């Protein structure tokens, strides 16, 4: 099978290097990068073959327990690509970049976000955790600095003093979150990927990303749950 035997070319390597250096790349940027890498290295390019191009890279990454994964922004529904380390089942991916106390603050923030009703945690609630950490107490100013770093490094997103998980974090940590928060973590009923900010059916409990809600109900005359057919009581975003 020629597809299975596809070699990793310089174009593939270049593409992978850029993706790894960025941490996360929007799909439109990934398409431009795909075109640029193929042109630069004079290899065959087809605008609709990005997924095949990535599949070739992923086959070569398999022995290294790494993978390029596609995910969706919960805010606007845009697609993104990120390189995921499959060997690290915990937040250990971050262990080389952050101190033990910083990691504890991140885990506690993650708890607040995932256990919340709307997928957000306020800066006040997060900062209140800072002096209750087991590793050692963290001063408010230090906690603010660390949160800023998590936002810069694309683990968290912040809007008007409210924090949620960044798209990069959701793509990279989907398995970790699903296995560590089994009682509350859910997959979107429409796109089947992890959802943090979601609308949840009051009748049967399924959840949907807000962009998926918008897209799904656009085609429906009346908003009814795709699972149990009960009336969908939320405002459609």
Protein backbone atom coordinates (compact mmCIF):
# COMPACT_ATOMS: atom_id res chain seq x y z
CA UNK A 1 0.00 0.00 0.00
CA UNK A 2 1.65 3.21 -1.18
CA UNK A 3 -0.23 5.34 1.34
CA UNK A 4 1.02 3.23 4.26
CA UNK A 5 4.54 3.38 2.89
CA UNK A 6 4.46 7.19 2.54
CA UNK A 7 7.81 8.60 3.58
CA UNK A 8 8.39 11.51 5.90
CA UNK A 9 9.75 14.21 3.58
CA UNK A 10 11.46 17.47 4.51
CA UNK A 11 8.06 19.11 3.95
CA UNK A 12 6.52 16.89 6.64
CA UNK A 13 9.38 17.60 9.04
CA UNK A 14 9.17 21.34 8.46
CA UNK A 15 5.41 21.29 9.05
CA UNK A 16 5.85 19.31 12.29
CA UNK A 17 8.61 21.61 13.59
CA UNK A 18 6.46 24.72 13.11
CA UNK A 19 3.44 23.05 14.76
CA UNK A 20 5.55 22.01 17.75
CA UNK A 21 7.07 25.47 18.14
CA UNK A 22 3.63 27.15 18.08
CA UNK A 23 1.95 24.68 20.45
CA UNK A 24 -1.37 25.14 18.64
CA UNK A 25 -2.20 26.30 15.11
CA UNK A 26 -5.52 27.36 13.61
CA UNK A 27 -6.67 25.18 10.66
CA UNK A 28 -6.46 28.04 8.12
CA UNK A 29 -2.84 28.66 9.20
CA UNK A 30 -2.10 24.92 9.02
CA UNK A 31 -3.43 24.87 5.43
CA UNK A 32 -1.17 27.79 4.47
CA UNK A 33 1.78 26.08 6.18
CA UNK A 34 1.03 22.82 4.32
CA UNK A 35 1.10 24.71 1.00
CA UNK A 36 4.31 26.57 1.93
CA UNK A 37 6.15 23.39 3.05
CA UNK A 38 5.21 21.49 -0.12
CA UNK A 39 6.20 24.41 -2.38
CA UNK A 40 9.51 24.96 -0.55
CA UNK A 41 10.49 21.30 -0.78
CA UNK A 42 9.00 20.82 -4.27
CA UNK A 43 6.76 17.91 -3.30
CA UNK A 44 3.24 17.17 -4.50
CA UNK A 45 0.64 19.56 -3.04
CA UNK A 46 -3.15 19.30 -3.11
CA UNK A 47 -5.24 21.79 -1.13
CA UNK A 48 -7.67 19.08 0.05
CA UNK A 49 -4.96 16.65 1.22
CA UNK A 50 -3.95 18.24 4.54
CA UNK A 51 -5.44 15.37 6.57
CA UNK A 52 -3.53 12.80 4.47
CA UNK A 53 -0.35 14.86 4.90
CA UNK A 54 -0.89 14.88 8.70
CA UNK A 55 -1.70 11.13 8.70
CA UNK A 56 1.72 10.43 7.18
CA UNK A 57 3.40 12.48 9.93
CA UNK A 58 1.30 10.70 12.57
CA UNK A 59 2.37 7.26 11.34
CA UNK A 60 6.01 8.27 11.81
CA UNK A 61 5.25 9.80 15.22
CA UNK A 62 3.52 6.63 16.48
CA UNK A 63 6.69 4.93 17.85
CA UNK A 64 7.43 8.19 19.73
CA UNK A 65 3.94 8.15 21.32
CA UNK A 66 3.11 11.49 19.75
CA UNK A 67 0.32 12.62 17.47
CA UNK A 68 -1.01 15.72 15.69
CA UNK A 69 -4.61 16.11 16.81
CA UNK A 70 -7.42 18.27 15.56
CA UNK A 71 -9.72 20.08 17.97
CA UNK A 72 -12.26 22.88 18.08
CA UNK A 73 -12.39 26.24 19.79
CA UNK A 74 -15.33 26.19 22.18
CA UNK A 75 -15.75 29.90 21.65
CA UNK A 76 -16.20 30.18 17.89
CA UNK A 77 -16.11 26.60 16.58
CA UNK A 78 -12.92 27.11 14.53
CA UNK A 79 -10.68 24.06 14.01
CA UNK A 80 -7.14 23.88 15.44
CA UNK A 81 -4.21 21.43 15.32
CA UNK A 82 -1.87 20.61 18.21
CA UNK A 83 0.94 18.09 18.77
CA UNK A 84 0.00 15.79 21.65
CA UNK A 85 2.29 13.60 23.76
CA UNK A 86 0.38 10.32 24.24
CA UNK A 87 2.90 8.80 26.65
CA UNK A 88 2.13 11.30 29.37
CA UNK A 89 -1.17 10.45 30.94
CA UNK A 90 -1.12 13.19 33.58
CA UNK A 91 -0.40 16.87 33.72
CA UNK A 92 3.23 15.68 33.56
CA UNK A 93 3.39 17.28 30.10
CA UNK A 94 3.74 20.52 32.02
CA UNK A 95 6.08 19.23 34.72
CA UNK A 96 9.25 20.23 32.91
CA UNK A 97 8.04 23.81 32.43
CA UNK A 98 6.52 24.64 35.82
CA UNK A 99 7.34 24.23 39.50
CA UNK A 100 5.40 21.87 41.76
CA UNK A 101 3.47 24.72 43.37
CA UNK A 102 2.56 26.20 39.96
CA UNK A 103 1.30 22.79 38.82
CA UNK A 104 -0.80 22.46 41.94
CA UNK A 105 -2.38 25.85 41.25
CA UNK A 106 -3.10 24.72 37.68
CA UNK A 107 -4.72 21.45 38.84
CA UNK A 108 -6.87 23.31 41.37
CA UNK A 109 -7.88 25.83 38.68
CA UNK A 110 -8.76 22.93 36.37
CA UNK A 111 -10.96 21.47 39.14
CA UNK A 112 -12.84 24.75 39.50
CA UNK A 113 -13.36 25.08 35.73
CA UNK A 114 -14.46 21.49 35.09
CA UNK A 115 -16.71 21.30 38.15
CA UNK A 116 -18.36 24.65 37.38
CA UNK A 117 -21.73 24.92 35.64
CA UNK A 118 -20.52 27.06 32.75
CA UNK A 119 -16.89 25.95 32.26
CA UNK A 120 -15.38 29.10 33.82
CA UNK A 121 -13.69 29.98 37.12
CA UNK A 122 -13.40 33.55 38.41
CA UNK A 123 -10.00 35.02 39.22
CA UNK A 124 -11.30 35.69 42.77
CA UNK A 125 -12.06 31.98 43.32
CA UNK A 126 -8.70 30.93 41.87
CA UNK A 127 -6.74 33.46 43.95
CA UNK A 128 -8.58 32.29 47.08
CA UNK A 129 -7.05 28.84 46.45
CA UNK A 130 -3.51 30.23 46.37
CA UNK A 131 -3.01 30.32 50.12
CA UNK A 132 -4.59 26.89 50.61
CA UNK A 133 -2.14 24.93 48.43
CA UNK A 134 -0.60 21.78 49.93
CA UNK A 135 2.87 22.35 48.41
CA UNK A 136 3.12 25.75 50.11
CA UNK A 137 1.05 28.91 50.26
CA UNK A 138 1.30 31.22 47.27
CA UNK A 139 0.95 34.98 47.62
CA UNK A 140 -1.83 36.62 45.60
CA UNK A 141 0.61 38.62 43.46
CA UNK A 142 2.59 35.48 42.63
CA UNK A 143 -0.62 33.59 41.78
CA UNK A 144 -1.64 36.42 39.42
CA UNK A 145 1.76 36.19 37.69
CA UNK A 146 1.46 32.38 37.32
CA UNK A 147 -2.07 32.67 35.87
CA UNK A 148 -0.72 35.18 33.34
CA UNK A 149 1.96 32.65 32.31
CA UNK A 150 -0.66 29.88 31.90
CA UNK A 151 -2.59 32.22 29.59
CA UNK A 152 0.56 33.15 27.61
CA UNK A 153 1.47 29.45 27.27
CA UNK A 154 -2.07 28.66 26.05
CA UNK A 155 -3.16 26.38 28.89
CA UNK A 156 -5.81 28.82 30.08
CA UNK A 157 -7.89 31.53 28.40
CA UNK A 158 -9.05 34.63 30.24
CA UNK A 159 -11.93 36.98 29.53
CA UNK A 160 -13.08 39.73 31.93
CA UNK A 161 -11.49 38.05 34.95
CA UNK A 162 -13.00 34.64 34.12
CA UNK A 163 -10.72 31.71 33.23
CA UNK A 164 -11.42 28.61 31.13
CA UNK A 165 -9.27 25.91 29.50
CA UNK A 166 -7.55 26.98 26.28
CA UNK A 167 -8.26 24.98 23.12
CA UNK A 168 -4.65 23.71 23.28
CA UNK A 169 -5.24 22.36 26.80
CA UNK A 170 -8.49 20.63 25.77
CA UNK A 171 -6.83 18.95 22.76
CA UNK A 172 -3.73 17.87 24.72
CA UNK A 173 -5.47 16.80 27.91
CA UNK A 174 -8.73 15.33 26.64
CA UNK A 175 -7.91 11.77 27.77
CA UNK A 176 -6.55 12.95 31.12
CA UNK A 177 -9.71 14.99 31.80
CA UNK A 178 -12.10 12.24 30.68
CA UNK A 179 -10.44 9.66 32.92
CA UNK A 180 -9.85 11.93 35.94
CA UNK A 181 -13.23 13.66 35.96
CA UNK A 182 -15.41 10.73 34.91
CA UNK A 183 -18.47 11.91 36.84
CA UNK A 184 -18.60 15.36 35.28
CA UNK A 185 -16.55 15.41 32.06
CA UNK A 186 -18.68 14.83 29.00
CA UNK A 187 -18.27 14.64 25.25
CA UNK A 188 -20.32 16.83 22.94
CA UNK A 189 -23.32 14.94 21.54
CA UNK A 190 -22.72 16.46 18.10
CA UNK A 191 -18.94 16.41 17.47
CA UNK A 192 -18.04 13.77 20.12
CA UNK A 193 -15.06 15.66 21.52
CA UNK A 194 -14.61 16.85 25.09
CA UNK A 195 -16.78 19.83 26.04
CA UNK A 196 -16.00 22.20 28.92
CA UNK A 197 -18.30 25.13 28.09
CA UNK A 198 -21.58 23.51 27.11
CA UNK A 199 -25.34 23.58 27.28
CA UNK A 200 -26.67 20.46 29.02
CA UNK A 201 -30.11 18.96 28.40
CA UNK A 202 -32.16 19.32 31.58
CA UNK A 203 -34.01 16.11 30.75
CA UNK A 204 -31.38 13.54 29.67
CA UNK A 205 -28.11 15.28 30.58
CA UNK A 206 -26.32 15.28 27.20
CA UNK A 207 -24.05 18.25 26.55
CA UNK A 208 -23.24 20.24 23.42
CA UNK A 209 -20.57 22.83 22.63
CA UNK A 210 -22.07 26.27 22.05
CA UNK A 211 -20.89 26.38 18.39
CA UNK A 212 -22.40 22.88 17.92
CA UNK A 213 -25.68 24.05 19.52
CA UNK A 214 -25.75 27.00 17.11
CA UNK A 215 -25.05 24.82 14.07
CA UNK A 216 -27.43 21.99 15.07
CA UNK A 217 -30.48 24.15 15.84
CA UNK A 218 -30.00 26.27 12.73
CA UNK A 219 -31.45 23.38 10.73
CA UNK A 220 -34.30 22.63 13.20
CA UNK A 221 -37.72 24.30 13.16
CA UNK A 222 -38.03 23.89 16.93
CA UNK A 223 -35.11 23.46 19.36
CA UNK A 224 -35.44 19.90 20.68
CA UNK A 225 -32.77 17.72 22.27
CA UNK A 226 -31.11 15.44 19.65
CA UNK A 227 -31.11 12.63 22.22
CA UNK A 228 -34.47 12.67 24.05
CA UNK A 229 -36.45 15.14 21.90
CA UNK A 230 -37.40 17.29 24.92
CA UNK A 231 -37.70 21.05 24.34
CA UNK A 232 -34.27 22.76 24.54
CA UNK A 233 -34.80 25.42 27.19
CA UNK A 234 -31.63 27.51 26.65
CA UNK A 235 -31.13 30.56 24.50
CA UNK A 236 -29.50 29.48 21.25
CA UNK A 237 -26.14 31.33 21.02
